[in-house]
């Protein structure tokens, strides 16, 4: 699959995260959020340098590079909206295929 340079995609994120790295054209995960609480946390635990891009149910973009520490991305949403969340887990370097785990939680401390 061809990779897309996230930095060149022209995404303006809703959060203060950095939109960078390389990902596939289509989302890696699609999550349906039907009844969101007050908080959502998305994070990746991987042995390499990963990035995270989310398009939420309202069409807003969210990005993260190293916000979770140890080169892992972390996105926190207060008052998240309902709807379909398209999620891309990318790699900081082009051509890297890093295996990791995507986590989603309503708990502030989950990693």
N, C-alpha and C. Protein backbone atom coordinates (compact mmCIF):
# COMPACT_ATOMS: atom_id res chain seq x y z
N UNK A 1 0.84 -1.19 0.00
CA UNK A 1 0.00 0.00 0.00
C UNK A 1 0.88 1.25 0.00
N UNK A 2 0.49 2.21 -0.77
CA UNK A 2 1.23 3.47 -0.81
C UNK A 2 1.01 4.24 0.48
N UNK A 3 2.07 4.89 0.94
CA UNK A 3 1.93 5.67 2.16
C UNK A 3 1.76 7.15 1.81
N UNK A 4 1.08 7.85 2.69
CA UNK A 4 0.80 9.27 2.54
C UNK A 4 1.62 10.04 3.56
N UNK A 5 2.26 11.12 3.13
CA UNK A 5 3.00 11.99 4.03
C UNK A 5 1.98 12.86 4.77
N UNK A 6 1.78 12.56 6.05
CA UNK A 6 0.75 13.25 6.83
C UNK A 6 1.03 14.76 6.89
N UNK A 7 2.30 15.14 7.01
CA UNK A 7 2.64 16.57 7.10
C UNK A 7 2.24 17.32 5.83
N UNK A 8 2.24 16.63 4.70
CA UNK A 8 1.92 17.27 3.42
C UNK A 8 0.42 17.23 3.11
N UNK A 9 -0.37 16.60 3.99
CA UNK A 9 -1.81 16.43 3.73
C UNK A 9 -2.62 17.68 4.02
N UNK A 10 -2.01 18.68 4.65
CA UNK A 10 -2.70 19.94 4.92
C UNK A 10 -3.74 19.86 6.02
N UNK A 11 -3.54 18.97 6.98
CA UNK A 11 -4.48 18.81 8.08
C UNK A 11 -4.27 19.92 9.11
N UNK A 12 -5.36 20.55 9.53
CA UNK A 12 -5.32 21.51 10.64
C UNK A 12 -5.98 20.83 11.84
N UNK A 13 -5.19 20.43 12.84
CA UNK A 13 -5.77 19.68 13.95
C UNK A 13 -6.55 20.55 14.93
N UNK A 14 -7.52 19.92 15.60
CA UNK A 14 -8.30 20.57 16.64
C UNK A 14 -7.52 20.67 17.94
N UNK A 15 -6.50 19.83 18.08
CA UNK A 15 -5.67 19.85 19.28
C UNK A 15 -4.33 20.49 18.96
N UNK A 16 -3.42 20.52 19.92
CA UNK A 16 -2.11 21.15 19.72
C UNK A 16 -1.08 20.14 19.21
N UNK A 17 -1.53 18.95 18.84
CA UNK A 17 -0.61 17.91 18.39
C UNK A 17 -0.01 18.18 17.03
N UNK A 18 1.07 17.46 16.74
CA UNK A 18 1.76 17.61 15.47
C UNK A 18 1.28 16.55 14.49
N UNK A 19 0.92 16.99 13.27
CA UNK A 19 0.47 16.09 12.21
C UNK A 19 1.67 15.73 11.35
N UNK A 20 2.26 14.56 11.63
CA UNK A 20 3.40 14.14 10.84
C UNK A 20 3.53 12.63 10.84
N UNK A 21 4.44 12.16 9.99
CA UNK A 21 4.62 10.73 9.82
C UNK A 21 4.03 10.28 8.50
N UNK A 22 3.92 8.96 8.36
CA UNK A 22 3.43 8.36 7.13
C UNK A 22 2.38 7.32 7.47
N UNK A 23 1.28 7.31 6.72
CA UNK A 23 0.18 6.39 6.98
C UNK A 23 -0.42 5.94 5.65
N UNK A 24 -1.30 4.97 5.72
CA UNK A 24 -1.99 4.50 4.53
C UNK A 24 -3.09 5.49 4.15
N UNK A 25 -3.60 5.39 2.94
CA UNK A 25 -4.66 6.28 2.47
C UNK A 25 -5.96 6.06 3.26
N UNK A 26 -6.25 4.79 3.57
CA UNK A 26 -7.49 4.46 4.27
C UNK A 26 -7.21 4.23 5.76
N UNK A 27 -8.20 4.51 6.62
CA UNK A 27 -7.99 4.36 8.07
C UNK A 27 -7.59 2.94 8.44
N UNK A 28 -6.76 2.83 9.48
CA UNK A 28 -6.40 1.53 10.04
C UNK A 28 -7.53 0.97 10.88
N UNK A 29 -8.27 1.87 11.53
CA UNK A 29 -9.37 1.48 12.40
C UNK A 29 -10.53 2.43 12.18
N UNK A 30 -11.74 1.91 12.28
CA UNK A 30 -12.94 2.74 12.28
C UNK A 30 -13.71 2.37 13.55
N UNK A 31 -13.92 3.36 14.41
CA UNK A 31 -14.59 3.14 15.69
C UNK A 31 -15.88 3.94 15.69
N UNK A 32 -16.98 3.28 16.00
CA UNK A 32 -18.26 3.96 16.12
C UNK A 32 -18.47 4.34 17.57
N UNK A 33 -18.53 5.63 17.86
CA UNK A 33 -18.74 6.13 19.22
C UNK A 33 -20.20 6.57 19.31
N UNK A 34 -21.01 5.77 19.99
CA UNK A 34 -22.45 6.02 20.01
C UNK A 34 -22.91 6.89 21.17
N UNK A 35 -22.30 6.73 22.32
CA UNK A 35 -22.76 7.44 23.51
C UNK A 35 -21.55 7.90 24.32
N UNK A 36 -20.82 8.90 23.80
CA UNK A 36 -19.57 9.28 24.46
C UNK A 36 -19.80 9.90 25.83
N UNK A 37 -18.83 9.65 26.71
CA UNK A 37 -18.85 10.29 28.02
C UNK A 37 -18.20 11.66 27.92
N UNK A 38 -17.55 12.07 29.00
CA UNK A 38 -16.94 13.39 29.06
C UNK A 38 -15.51 13.42 28.54
N UNK A 39 -14.92 12.24 28.29
CA UNK A 39 -13.50 12.18 27.97
C UNK A 39 -13.20 10.93 27.17
N UNK A 40 -12.34 11.05 26.18
CA UNK A 40 -11.82 9.90 25.44
C UNK A 40 -10.32 10.05 25.27
N UNK A 41 -9.62 8.96 25.45
CA UNK A 41 -8.16 8.93 25.28
C UNK A 41 -7.83 7.84 24.27
N UNK A 42 -7.08 8.21 23.24
CA UNK A 42 -6.57 7.28 22.24
C UNK A 42 -5.06 7.24 22.37
N UNK A 43 -4.48 6.04 22.39
CA UNK A 43 -3.04 5.95 22.55
C UNK A 43 -2.51 4.73 21.82
N UNK A 44 -1.24 4.76 21.48
CA UNK A 44 -0.59 3.64 20.82
C UNK A 44 0.63 3.25 21.65
N UNK A 45 0.77 1.96 21.91
CA UNK A 45 1.98 1.42 22.52
C UNK A 45 2.68 0.57 21.47
N UNK A 46 3.89 0.97 21.10
CA UNK A 46 4.62 0.28 20.04
C UNK A 46 6.12 0.35 20.32
N UNK A 47 6.89 -0.59 19.77
CA UNK A 47 8.34 -0.59 19.98
C UNK A 47 9.09 0.38 19.07
N UNK A 48 8.36 1.12 18.24
CA UNK A 48 9.01 2.09 17.34
C UNK A 48 8.32 3.44 17.43
N UNK A 49 8.72 4.36 16.57
CA UNK A 49 8.20 5.73 16.59
C UNK A 49 6.93 5.81 15.74
N UNK A 50 5.78 5.85 16.41
CA UNK A 50 4.50 5.90 15.72
C UNK A 50 3.84 7.27 15.87
N UNK A 51 2.87 7.53 14.99
CA UNK A 51 2.07 8.75 15.04
C UNK A 51 0.60 8.34 15.00
N UNK A 52 -0.27 9.29 15.32
CA UNK A 52 -1.69 9.00 15.39
C UNK A 52 -2.46 10.17 14.79
N UNK A 53 -3.41 9.84 13.90
CA UNK A 53 -4.29 10.85 13.29
C UNK A 53 -5.72 10.33 13.40
N UNK A 54 -6.61 11.20 13.88
CA UNK A 54 -8.02 10.82 14.04
C UNK A 54 -8.90 11.87 13.40
N UNK A 55 -9.90 11.42 12.65
CA UNK A 55 -10.96 12.28 12.15
C UNK A 55 -12.21 11.88 12.93
N UNK A 56 -12.71 12.78 13.78
CA UNK A 56 -13.79 12.41 14.70
C UNK A 56 -15.16 12.49 14.04
N UNK A 57 -16.19 12.22 14.83
CA UNK A 57 -17.56 12.15 14.33
C UNK A 57 -18.10 13.46 13.80
N UNK A 58 -17.45 14.57 14.12
CA UNK A 58 -17.88 15.88 13.62
C UNK A 58 -17.00 16.34 12.46
N UNK A 59 -16.05 15.49 12.05
CA UNK A 59 -15.16 15.86 10.94
C UNK A 59 -13.94 16.64 11.37
N UNK A 60 -13.69 16.74 12.68
CA UNK A 60 -12.50 17.45 13.17
C UNK A 60 -11.30 16.50 13.18
N UNK A 61 -10.14 17.05 12.91
CA UNK A 61 -8.90 16.27 12.88
C UNK A 61 -8.15 16.43 14.20
N UNK A 62 -7.49 15.36 14.62
CA UNK A 62 -6.68 15.32 15.83
C UNK A 62 -5.37 14.61 15.47
N UNK A 63 -4.25 15.14 15.94
CA UNK A 63 -2.95 14.55 15.61
C UNK A 63 -2.07 14.43 16.85
N UNK A 64 -1.16 13.45 16.81
CA UNK A 64 -0.17 13.31 17.87
C UNK A 64 1.05 12.60 17.33
N UNK A 65 2.21 13.03 17.84
CA UNK A 65 3.45 12.33 17.52
C UNK A 65 3.97 11.64 18.79
N UNK A 66 4.56 12.38 19.70
CA UNK A 66 5.20 11.77 20.87
C UNK A 66 4.53 12.14 22.19
N UNK A 67 3.26 12.56 22.16
CA UNK A 67 2.61 13.08 23.36
C UNK A 67 2.42 12.05 24.47
N UNK A 68 2.53 10.75 24.14
CA UNK A 68 2.36 9.71 25.15
C UNK A 68 3.67 9.27 25.77
N UNK A 69 4.79 9.87 25.36
CA UNK A 69 6.10 9.49 25.88
C UNK A 69 6.65 8.26 25.18
N UNK A 70 7.94 8.06 25.24
CA UNK A 70 8.61 6.90 24.62
C UNK A 70 8.27 6.77 23.14
N UNK A 71 8.17 7.89 22.43
CA UNK A 71 7.87 7.95 21.00
C UNK A 71 6.46 7.47 20.66
N UNK A 72 5.59 7.35 21.68
CA UNK A 72 4.21 6.92 21.45
C UNK A 72 3.26 8.11 21.39
N UNK A 73 2.28 8.06 20.48
CA UNK A 73 1.30 9.14 20.39
C UNK A 73 0.17 8.99 21.41
N UNK A 74 -0.46 10.11 21.75
CA UNK A 74 -1.57 10.15 22.70
C UNK A 74 -2.47 11.31 22.33
N UNK A 75 -3.76 11.04 22.21
CA UNK A 75 -4.75 12.09 21.94
C UNK A 75 -5.82 12.01 23.01
N UNK A 76 -6.09 13.16 23.65
CA UNK A 76 -7.13 13.25 24.67
C UNK A 76 -8.20 14.22 24.19
N UNK A 77 -9.46 13.79 24.32
CA UNK A 77 -10.59 14.62 23.88
C UNK A 77 -11.53 14.84 25.05
N UNK A 78 -11.77 16.10 25.36
CA UNK A 78 -12.79 16.45 26.34
C UNK A 78 -14.11 16.68 25.60
N UNK A 79 -15.21 16.21 26.16
CA UNK A 79 -16.53 16.31 25.54
C UNK A 79 -16.51 15.79 24.11
N UNK A 80 -16.08 14.53 23.91
CA UNK A 80 -16.02 13.98 22.56
C UNK A 80 -17.41 13.86 21.94
N UNK A 81 -17.47 13.97 20.61
CA UNK A 81 -18.74 13.89 19.90
C UNK A 81 -19.04 12.44 19.53
N UNK A 82 -20.31 12.15 19.29
CA UNK A 82 -20.71 10.85 18.80
C UNK A 82 -20.45 10.76 17.30
N UNK A 83 -20.36 9.54 16.80
CA UNK A 83 -20.20 9.34 15.37
C UNK A 83 -19.04 8.42 15.04
N UNK A 84 -18.70 8.39 13.76
CA UNK A 84 -17.63 7.53 13.28
C UNK A 84 -16.27 8.21 13.44
N UNK A 85 -15.34 7.49 14.04
CA UNK A 85 -13.97 7.97 14.21
C UNK A 85 -13.07 7.16 13.28
N UNK A 86 -12.46 7.83 12.32
CA UNK A 86 -11.49 7.19 11.43
C UNK A 86 -10.11 7.41 12.04
N UNK A 87 -9.36 6.32 12.21
CA UNK A 87 -8.10 6.38 12.96
C UNK A 87 -6.96 5.81 12.11
N UNK A 88 -5.91 6.60 11.98
CA UNK A 88 -4.70 6.17 11.29
C UNK A 88 -3.56 6.07 12.29
N UNK A 89 -2.90 4.93 12.35
CA UNK A 89 -1.67 4.77 13.12
C UNK A 89 -0.55 4.77 12.09
N UNK A 90 0.27 5.80 12.15
CA UNK A 90 1.34 5.95 11.18
C UNK A 90 2.70 5.68 11.80
N UNK A 91 3.70 5.75 10.95
CA UNK A 91 5.08 5.64 11.42
C UNK A 91 5.77 6.97 11.13
N UNK A 92 6.70 7.36 12.01
CA UNK A 92 7.39 8.63 11.83
C UNK A 92 8.24 8.60 10.57
N UNK A 93 8.83 7.46 10.26
CA UNK A 93 9.67 7.32 9.07
C UNK A 93 8.91 6.59 7.98
N UNK A 94 9.12 7.03 6.74
CA UNK A 94 8.46 6.39 5.59
C UNK A 94 8.93 4.94 5.47
N UNK A 95 8.00 4.06 5.11
CA UNK A 95 8.34 2.68 4.85
C UNK A 95 8.45 1.79 6.08
N UNK A 96 8.34 2.36 7.26
CA UNK A 96 8.43 1.54 8.48
C UNK A 96 7.08 0.89 8.74
N UNK A 97 7.08 -0.38 9.05
CA UNK A 97 5.86 -1.10 9.39
C UNK A 97 6.00 -1.55 10.85
N UNK A 98 5.47 -0.73 11.74
CA UNK A 98 5.65 -0.95 13.18
C UNK A 98 4.40 -1.60 13.76
N UNK A 99 4.57 -2.72 14.40
CA UNK A 99 3.45 -3.40 15.05
C UNK A 99 3.25 -2.81 16.44
N UNK A 100 2.01 -2.48 16.78
CA UNK A 100 1.74 -1.91 18.09
C UNK A 100 0.30 -2.18 18.48
N UNK A 101 -0.13 -1.57 19.57
CA UNK A 101 -1.48 -1.74 20.10
C UNK A 101 -2.13 -0.38 20.22
N UNK A 102 -3.33 -0.24 19.64
CA UNK A 102 -4.13 0.97 19.79
C UNK A 102 -5.03 0.79 21.00
N UNK A 103 -5.01 1.76 21.90
CA UNK A 103 -5.88 1.73 23.07
C UNK A 103 -6.87 2.88 23.02
N UNK A 104 -8.08 2.62 23.52
CA UNK A 104 -9.11 3.65 23.63
C UNK A 104 -9.70 3.53 25.03
N UNK A 105 -9.80 4.65 25.75
CA UNK A 105 -10.28 4.59 27.11
C UNK A 105 -11.04 5.87 27.49
N UNK A 106 -11.95 5.75 28.43
CA UNK A 106 -12.61 6.91 29.03
C UNK A 106 -11.92 7.30 30.33
N UNK A 107 -10.81 6.64 30.66
CA UNK A 107 -10.06 6.90 31.89
C UNK A 107 -8.85 7.78 31.60
N UNK A 108 -8.63 8.79 32.42
CA UNK A 108 -7.52 9.71 32.22
C UNK A 108 -6.16 9.05 32.34
N UNK A 109 -6.02 8.05 33.17
CA UNK A 109 -4.71 7.46 33.43
C UNK A 109 -4.34 6.27 32.55
N UNK A 110 -5.24 5.86 31.67
CA UNK A 110 -4.98 4.66 30.87
C UNK A 110 -3.85 4.88 29.89
N UNK A 111 -2.92 3.93 29.84
CA UNK A 111 -1.82 3.97 28.88
C UNK A 111 -1.57 2.55 28.40
